[in-house]
Amino acid sequence: MAQEHTRETAAQGVQNALKLLEGRWKLTILFHLFGGQVLRFSELERAIPDVSQKMLIQQLRQMESDGIVRRIVYPQVPPKVEYGLTDWGQALCPALDALLVWAEQREG
């Protein structure tokens, strides 16, 4: 059930949500994982060629600790690690789609 907000609490809530998405590559990572995609680290690296390995690891770890991305480790040799969105992370898709539509409506 949605919480009643004042202007101040609504602004703070949105600001807190946007902080979770701060980072040059987080939105790009999200869009690669939307729709139930589960990708190995190397597949994400290939899909986002401009990101460094260090930065990709850092952004994935932050989103994992924030509960947006889940990391799946398979106990095998060599190690196999995949990334996918949590249900909460997948729930971002309609909000980001709405933001994209809103941005496209801007009169230039």
C-alpha atoms as a PDB file:
ATOM      1  CA  MET A   1       0.000   0.000   0.000  1.00  0.00           C
ATOM      2  CA  ALA A   2       1.365   3.395  -0.997  1.00  0.00           C
ATOM      3  CA  GLN A   3       2.473   5.678   1.783  1.00  0.00           C
ATOM      4  CA  GLU A   4       1.010   9.177   2.056  1.00  0.00           C
ATOM      5  CA  HIS A   5       3.701  11.752   1.358  1.00  0.00           C
ATOM      6  CA  THR A   6       4.181  15.417   1.904  1.00  0.00           C
ATOM      7  CA  ARG A   7       6.022  17.390  -0.765  1.00  0.00           C
ATOM      8  CA  GLU A   8       9.162  17.117   1.331  1.00  0.00           C
ATOM      9  CA  THR A   9       8.965  13.365   1.967  1.00  0.00           C
ATOM     10  CA  ALA A  10       8.094  12.709  -1.685  1.00  0.00           C
ATOM     11  CA  ALA A  11      11.094  14.741  -2.847  1.00  0.00           C
ATOM     12  CA  GLN A  12      13.358  12.952  -0.365  1.00  0.00           C
ATOM     13  CA  GLY A  13      12.011   9.544  -1.416  1.00  0.00           C
ATOM     14  CA  VAL A  14      12.683  10.227  -5.089  1.00  0.00           C
ATOM     15  CA  GLN A  15      16.129  11.601  -4.259  1.00  0.00           C
ATOM     16  CA  ASN A  16      16.918   8.409  -2.313  1.00  0.00           C
ATOM     17  CA  ALA A  17      15.702   6.258  -5.225  1.00  0.00           C
ATOM     18  CA  LEU A  18      17.843   8.182  -7.707  1.00  0.00           C
ATOM     19  CA  LYS A  19      20.906   7.706  -5.471  1.00  0.00           C
ATOM     20  CA  LEU A  20      20.506   3.944  -5.977  1.00  0.00           C
ATOM     21  CA  LEU A  21      20.851   4.492  -9.724  1.00  0.00           C
ATOM     22  CA  GLU A  22      23.793   6.899  -9.592  1.00  0.00           C
ATOM     23  CA  GLY A  23      26.811   5.665 -11.445  1.00  0.00           C
ATOM     24  CA  ARG A  24      27.775   5.977 -15.062  1.00  0.00           C
ATOM     25  CA  TRP A  25      26.959   2.365 -15.984  1.00  0.00           C
ATOM     26  CA  LYS A  26      24.104   1.329 -13.690  1.00  0.00           C
ATOM     27  CA  LEU A  27      21.272   2.203 -16.074  1.00  0.00           C
ATOM     28  CA  THR A  28      23.039   0.506 -18.978  1.00  0.00           C
ATOM     29  CA  ILE A  29      23.520  -2.625 -16.872  1.00  0.00           C
ATOM     30  CA  LEU A  30      19.852  -2.532 -15.851  1.00  0.00           C
ATOM     31  CA  PHE A  31      18.633  -2.297 -19.434  1.00  0.00           C
ATOM     32  CA  HIS A  32      20.774  -5.317 -20.378  1.00  0.00           C
ATOM     33  CA  LEU A  33      19.208  -7.329 -17.536  1.00  0.00           C
ATOM     34  CA  PHE A  34      15.561  -6.259 -17.939  1.00  0.00           C
ATOM     35  CA  GLY A  35      13.083  -8.860 -19.107  1.00  0.00           C
ATOM     36  CA  GLY A  36      14.534 -11.669 -17.049  1.00  0.00           C
ATOM     37  CA  GLN A  37      17.917 -11.689 -18.768  1.00  0.00           C
ATOM     38  CA  VAL A  38      20.600 -13.543 -16.833  1.00  0.00           C
ATOM     39  CA  LEU A  39      24.095 -12.784 -18.083  1.00  0.00           C
ATOM     40  CA  ARG A  40      27.564 -13.912 -17.188  1.00  0.00           C
ATOM     41  CA  PHE A  41      30.074 -11.258 -16.230  1.00  0.00           C
ATOM     42  CA  SER A  42      31.912 -11.722 -19.532  1.00  0.00           C
ATOM     43  CA  GLU A  43      28.654 -11.255 -21.470  1.00  0.00           C
ATOM     44  CA  LEU A  44      28.020  -7.969 -19.668  1.00  0.00           C
ATOM     45  CA  GLU A  45      31.590  -6.893 -20.449  1.00  0.00           C
ATOM     46  CA  ARG A  46      31.050  -7.599 -24.142  1.00  0.00           C
ATOM     47  CA  ALA A  47      27.635  -5.895 -24.127  1.00  0.00           C
ATOM     48  CA  ILE A  48      29.108  -2.713 -22.590  1.00  0.00           C
ATOM     49  CA  PRO A  49      32.501  -2.395 -24.303  1.00  0.00           C
ATOM     50  CA  ASP A  50      33.368   1.048 -22.878  1.00  0.00           C
ATOM     51  CA  VAL A  51      33.168  -0.018 -19.216  1.00  0.00           C
ATOM     52  CA  SER A  52      36.314  -1.142 -17.426  1.00  0.00           C
ATOM     53  CA  GLN A  53      36.291  -4.479 -15.628  1.00  0.00           C
ATOM     54  CA  LYS A  54      36.904  -2.718 -12.310  1.00  0.00           C
ATOM     55  CA  MET A  55      33.993  -0.316 -12.820  1.00  0.00           C
ATOM     56  CA  LEU A  56      31.616  -3.071 -13.946  1.00  0.00           C
ATOM     57  CA  ILE A  57      32.464  -5.094 -10.834  1.00  0.00           C
ATOM     58  CA  GLN A  58      31.988  -2.036  -8.618  1.00  0.00           C
ATOM     59  CA  GLN A  59      28.619  -1.086 -10.136  1.00  0.00           C
ATOM     60  CA  LEU A  60      27.336  -4.684  -9.970  1.00  0.00           C
ATOM     61  CA  ARG A  61      28.415  -5.017  -6.327  1.00  0.00           C
ATOM     62  CA  GLN A  62      26.667  -1.767  -5.398  1.00  0.00           C
ATOM     63  CA  MET A  63      23.450  -2.854  -7.102  1.00  0.00           C
ATOM     64  CA  GLU A  64      23.717  -6.267  -5.471  1.00  0.00           C
ATOM     65  CA  SER A  65      24.120  -4.743  -2.007  1.00  0.00           C
ATOM     66  CA  ASP A  66      21.167  -2.423  -2.740  1.00  0.00           C
ATOM     67  CA  GLY A  67      18.980  -5.418  -3.640  1.00  0.00           C
ATOM     68  CA  ILE A  68      18.565  -4.553  -7.334  1.00  0.00           C
ATOM     69  CA  VAL A  69      20.813  -7.238  -8.856  1.00  0.00           C
ATOM     70  CA  ARG A  70      21.275 -10.833  -7.774  1.00  0.00           C
ATOM     71  CA  ARG A  71      24.557 -12.661  -8.196  1.00  0.00           C
ATOM     72  CA  ILE A  72      24.325 -16.374  -8.904  1.00  0.00           C
ATOM     73  CA  VAL A  73      27.475 -18.399  -8.251  1.00  0.00           C
ATOM     74  CA  TYR A  74      27.717 -21.950  -9.567  1.00  0.00           C
ATOM     75  CA  PRO A  75      30.073 -24.229  -7.616  1.00  0.00           C
ATOM     76  CA  GLN A  76      32.193 -25.451 -10.495  1.00  0.00           C
ATOM     77  CA  VAL A  77      35.677 -25.095 -11.898  1.00  0.00           C
ATOM     78  CA  PRO A  78      36.252 -22.671 -13.480  1.00  0.00           C
ATOM     79  CA  PRO A  79      33.794 -20.598 -11.446  1.00  0.00           C
ATOM     80  CA  LYS A  80      30.623 -19.527 -13.212  1.00  0.00           C
ATOM     81  CA  VAL A  81      28.912 -16.329 -12.038  1.00  0.00           C
ATOM     82  CA  GLU A  82      25.744 -14.891 -13.531  1.00  0.00           C
ATOM     83  CA  TYR A  83      23.827 -11.715 -12.837  1.00  0.00           C
ATOM     84  CA  GLY A  84      20.118 -11.054 -13.044  1.00  0.00           C
ATOM     85  CA  LEU A  85      17.645  -8.629 -11.568  1.00  0.00           C
ATOM     86  CA  THR A  86      15.802  -9.231  -8.344  1.00  0.00           C
ATOM     87  CA  ASP A  87      12.021  -8.838  -8.530  1.00  0.00           C
ATOM     88  CA  TRP A  88      12.489  -5.380  -7.029  1.00  0.00           C
ATOM     89  CA  GLY A  89      15.086  -4.530  -9.666  1.00  0.00           C
ATOM     90  CA  GLN A  90      12.802  -5.772 -12.461  1.00  0.00           C
ATOM     91  CA  ALA A  91      10.032  -3.553 -11.053  1.00  0.00           C
ATOM     92  CA  LEU A  92      12.141  -0.548 -12.143  1.00  0.00           C
ATOM     93  CA  CYS A  93      11.448  -1.288 -15.807  1.00  0.00           C
ATOM     94  CA  PRO A  94       8.046   0.476 -16.095  1.00  0.00           C
ATOM     95  CA  ALA A  95       9.342   3.502 -14.176  1.00  0.00           C
ATOM     96  CA  LEU A  96      12.385   3.836 -16.450  1.00  0.00           C
ATOM     97  CA  ASP A  97      10.238   3.268 -19.548  1.00  0.00           C
ATOM     98  CA  ALA A  98       7.935   6.084 -18.359  1.00  0.00           C
ATOM     99  CA  LEU A  99      10.975   8.318 -17.791  1.00  0.00           C
ATOM    100  CA  LEU A 100      12.215   7.557 -21.313  1.00  0.00           C
ATOM    101  CA  VAL A 101       8.821   8.430 -22.822  1.00  0.00           C
ATOM    102  CA  TRP A 102       8.742  11.619 -20.750  1.00  0.00           C
ATOM    103  CA  ALA A 103      12.235  12.596 -21.971  1.00  0.00           C
ATOM    104  CA  GLU A 104      11.262  11.939 -25.609  1.00  0.00           C
ATOM    105  CA  GLN A 105       8.330  14.362 -25.282  1.00  0.00           C
ATOM    106  CA  ARG A 106      10.631  17.291 -24.590  1.00  0.00           C
ATOM    107  CA  GLU A 107      10.309  19.959 -27.185  1.00  0.00           C
ATOM    108  CA  GLY A 108      13.719  20.782 -28.558  1.00  0.00           C
END
